[in-house]
Amino acid sequence: MAGVCDHWIDKVSGELVMSTAIITTAPCENLRHVHYRMPVMIRKEDWVERLDPKIQDSIYLRQFISGTDKVSVHEVGLGVSGAGKNRLDAEALIKPKDAEVSE
């Protein structure tokens, strides 16, 4: 998935702040029923060129930003939306909803 990241020093607290965001686009046909946007996917063969920090031409880089219909979808359980110290990180979270989830 395509994304951006940045970091800076908070002027009030003096703490380092790190942030990230996923770049989104209109959904492909397979995902349209789920949400009105989806992450931009970058083909593996484009990673090296797209991630080269020396290339700053946004018009040139736009060619690497596209959606794809090469995705599959299945319903997952509510555990995937957990947050904080109670979050369960397990591969089972991305299994179909009816699959058993264990730590």
Protein backbone atom coordinates (compact mmCIF):
# COMPACT_ATOMS: atom_id res chain seq x y z
CA MET A 1 0.00 0.00 0.00
CA ALA A 2 1.15 3.52 -0.66
CA GLY A 3 1.62 5.87 2.25
CA VAL A 4 3.46 8.85 3.58
CA CYS A 5 5.25 9.42 6.84
CA ASP A 6 6.74 12.40 8.61
CA HIS A 7 8.18 13.39 11.96
CA TRP A 8 8.65 16.65 13.80
CA ILE A 9 9.22 18.09 17.25
CA ASP A 10 6.04 19.24 19.00
CA LYS A 11 6.53 22.93 19.85
CA VAL A 12 4.61 22.66 23.12
CA SER A 13 5.82 19.37 24.59
CA GLY A 14 9.20 19.13 22.85
CA GLU A 15 8.43 15.48 22.06
CA LEU A 16 9.14 13.76 18.77
CA VAL A 17 5.89 13.18 16.87
CA MET A 18 5.80 10.51 14.18
CA SER A 19 2.82 10.15 11.89
CA THR A 20 1.77 8.07 8.92
CA ALA A 21 -1.11 8.06 6.49
CA ILE A 22 -2.29 5.61 3.86
CA ILE A 23 -2.85 7.11 0.42
CA THR A 24 -6.29 6.18 -0.88
CA THR A 25 -8.16 6.16 -4.18
CA ALA A 26 -11.60 5.25 -5.46
CA PRO A 27 -12.35 1.58 -4.76
CA CYS A 28 -12.06 -1.16 -7.33
CA GLU A 29 -15.21 -3.02 -8.31
CA ASN A 30 -14.47 -5.84 -5.81
CA LEU A 31 -14.39 -3.42 -2.87
CA ARG A 32 -17.00 -0.82 -3.83
CA HIS A 33 -19.64 -2.49 -1.63
CA VAL A 34 -17.31 -2.25 1.41
CA HIS A 35 -16.17 1.38 1.33
CA TYR A 36 -16.00 4.46 -0.90
CA ARG A 37 -12.17 4.38 -0.99
CA MET A 38 -9.32 1.87 -0.83
CA PRO A 39 -5.55 2.00 -0.33
CA VAL A 40 -3.45 2.77 -3.39
CA MET A 41 -1.50 -0.35 -4.33
CA ILE A 42 1.99 -0.06 -5.79
CA ARG A 43 3.19 -2.99 -7.86
CA LYS A 44 6.20 -4.76 -6.37
CA GLU A 45 8.24 -4.18 -9.52
CA ASP A 46 7.76 -0.40 -9.02
CA TRP A 47 8.83 -0.25 -5.35
CA VAL A 48 12.49 0.66 -5.90
CA GLU A 49 11.79 3.54 -8.29
CA ARG A 50 8.71 4.79 -6.41
CA LEU A 51 10.53 4.81 -3.08
CA ASP A 52 13.70 6.50 -4.36
CA PRO A 53 13.95 9.69 -2.24
CA LYS A 54 15.88 11.43 -5.04
CA ILE A 55 12.81 11.33 -7.29
CA GLN A 56 10.64 14.25 -6.20
CA ASP A 57 8.70 14.96 -9.42
CA SER A 58 5.08 14.46 -8.34
CA ILE A 59 3.80 14.31 -11.93
CA TYR A 60 6.29 11.55 -12.74
CA LEU A 61 5.51 9.68 -9.52
CA ARG A 62 1.76 9.79 -10.21
CA GLN A 63 2.19 7.00 -12.78
CA PHE A 64 2.81 4.58 -9.90
CA ILE A 65 -0.44 5.47 -8.13
CA SER A 66 -3.34 3.37 -9.26
CA GLY A 67 -6.05 1.11 -8.01
CA THR A 68 -6.26 -2.56 -8.85
CA ASP A 69 -8.98 -5.15 -9.21
CA LYS A 70 -6.52 -7.85 -8.11
CA VAL A 71 -7.86 -7.97 -4.57
CA SER A 72 -10.07 -10.40 -2.76
CA VAL A 73 -12.38 -9.67 0.12
CA HIS A 74 -13.95 -11.60 2.99
CA GLU A 75 -15.65 -10.58 6.22
CA VAL A 76 -13.51 -10.60 9.38
CA GLY A 77 -14.50 -10.43 13.05
CA LEU A 78 -14.63 -7.27 15.18
CA GLY A 79 -11.31 -8.10 16.86
CA VAL A 80 -9.48 -6.57 13.91
CA SER A 81 -10.59 -3.10 15.05
CA GLY A 82 -9.17 -3.42 18.58
CA ALA A 83 -6.87 -0.70 19.87
CA GLY A 84 -4.49 0.03 22.72
CA LYS A 85 -3.22 -2.51 25.24
CA ASN A 86 -6.21 -4.78 24.67
CA ARG A 87 -5.44 -5.19 20.97
CA LEU A 88 -4.96 -8.77 19.85
CA ASP A 89 -2.28 -9.04 17.16
CA ALA A 90 -2.71 -12.39 15.52
CA GLU A 91 -2.73 -13.65 11.95
CA ALA A 92 -6.10 -15.20 12.72
CA LEU A 93 -7.65 -11.70 12.73
CA ILE A 94 -7.51 -11.61 8.94
CA LYS A 95 -9.05 -15.04 8.53
CA PRO A 96 -12.72 -15.27 7.45
CA LYS A 97 -15.12 -14.24 10.22
CA ASP A 98 -16.24 -17.76 11.07
CA ALA A 99 -12.67 -19.00 11.67
CA GLU A 100 -11.64 -19.40 15.33
CA VAL A 101 -9.32 -16.66 16.68
CA SER A 102 -6.69 -17.52 19.30
CA GLU A 103 -3.68 -15.62 20.69
